[in-house]
């Protein structure tokens, strides 16, 4: 039986921590209007956050886990 391929788009967007949590980058920071924001606001907008509980099962399946 062939191996299941992991989704290459999800691989680039989601990281698995050492404890097994699924983390993703917030989307707001990727806008083209970043230069208008203050640096403090940019810092608050950025960062990794855990994936919602409702989405975990689907994301794990896409990752092949």
Protein backbone atom coordinates (compact mmCIF):
# COMPACT_ATOMS: atom_id res chain seq x y z
CA UNK A 1 0.00 0.00 0.00
CA UNK A 2 1.44 3.45 -0.89
CA UNK A 3 2.48 5.91 1.78
CA UNK A 4 0.22 8.90 2.46
CA UNK A 5 1.72 12.18 1.25
CA UNK A 6 1.71 15.12 3.65
CA UNK A 7 0.25 18.36 2.33
CA UNK A 8 3.16 20.62 1.27
CA UNK A 9 1.20 23.85 1.94
CA UNK A 10 0.48 22.86 5.53
CA UNK A 11 4.10 21.79 6.08
CA UNK A 12 5.21 25.37 5.35
CA UNK A 13 2.58 26.99 7.58
CA UNK A 14 2.42 24.78 10.68
CA UNK A 15 5.14 23.77 13.12
CA UNK A 16 4.89 21.02 15.74
CA UNK A 17 6.45 21.86 19.10
CA UNK A 18 8.41 19.39 21.21
CA UNK A 19 5.32 18.76 23.34
CA UNK A 20 3.21 18.07 20.23
CA UNK A 21 1.32 21.36 19.98
CA UNK A 22 0.46 22.64 16.49
CA UNK A 23 1.53 26.27 16.05
CA UNK A 24 0.97 28.70 13.18
CA UNK A 25 1.91 32.28 12.40
CA UNK A 26 -0.76 34.97 12.65
CA UNK A 27 -1.82 36.22 9.22
CA UNK A 28 -2.11 39.96 9.78
CA UNK A 29 1.64 40.61 9.64
CA UNK A 30 1.89 39.59 5.97
CA UNK A 31 0.06 42.66 4.65
CA UNK A 32 1.52 45.29 2.34
CA UNK A 33 0.44 48.13 4.69
CA UNK A 34 2.90 47.26 7.45
CA UNK A 35 4.84 50.53 7.15
CA UNK A 36 1.82 52.51 8.44
CA UNK A 37 1.68 50.57 11.71
CA UNK A 38 3.67 51.45 14.79
CA UNK A 39 6.39 49.00 15.77
CA UNK A 40 4.52 48.21 18.98
CA UNK A 41 1.43 47.22 17.06
CA UNK A 42 3.51 45.09 14.68
CA UNK A 43 4.99 43.24 17.63
CA UNK A 44 1.55 42.53 19.07
CA UNK A 45 0.20 41.38 15.69
CA UNK A 46 3.00 38.93 15.03
CA UNK A 47 3.98 35.68 16.64
CA UNK A 48 3.09 32.03 16.74
CA UNK A 49 -0.25 30.92 18.18
CA UNK A 50 -1.69 27.43 18.74
CA UNK A 51 -4.11 26.05 16.18
CA UNK A 52 -7.77 26.01 17.27
CA UNK A 53 -9.03 22.80 18.83
CA UNK A 54 -11.67 22.42 16.10
CA UNK A 55 -8.96 22.36 13.39
CA UNK A 56 -6.34 20.13 15.05
CA UNK A 57 -7.64 16.80 13.78
CA UNK A 58 -7.81 18.01 10.16
CA UNK A 59 -4.36 19.63 10.27
CA UNK A 60 -2.77 16.51 11.77
CA UNK A 61 -4.29 14.44 8.98
CA UNK A 62 -2.87 16.83 6.35
CA UNK A 63 0.55 16.58 8.01
CA UNK A 64 0.34 12.80 7.92
CA UNK A 65 0.51 12.44 11.72
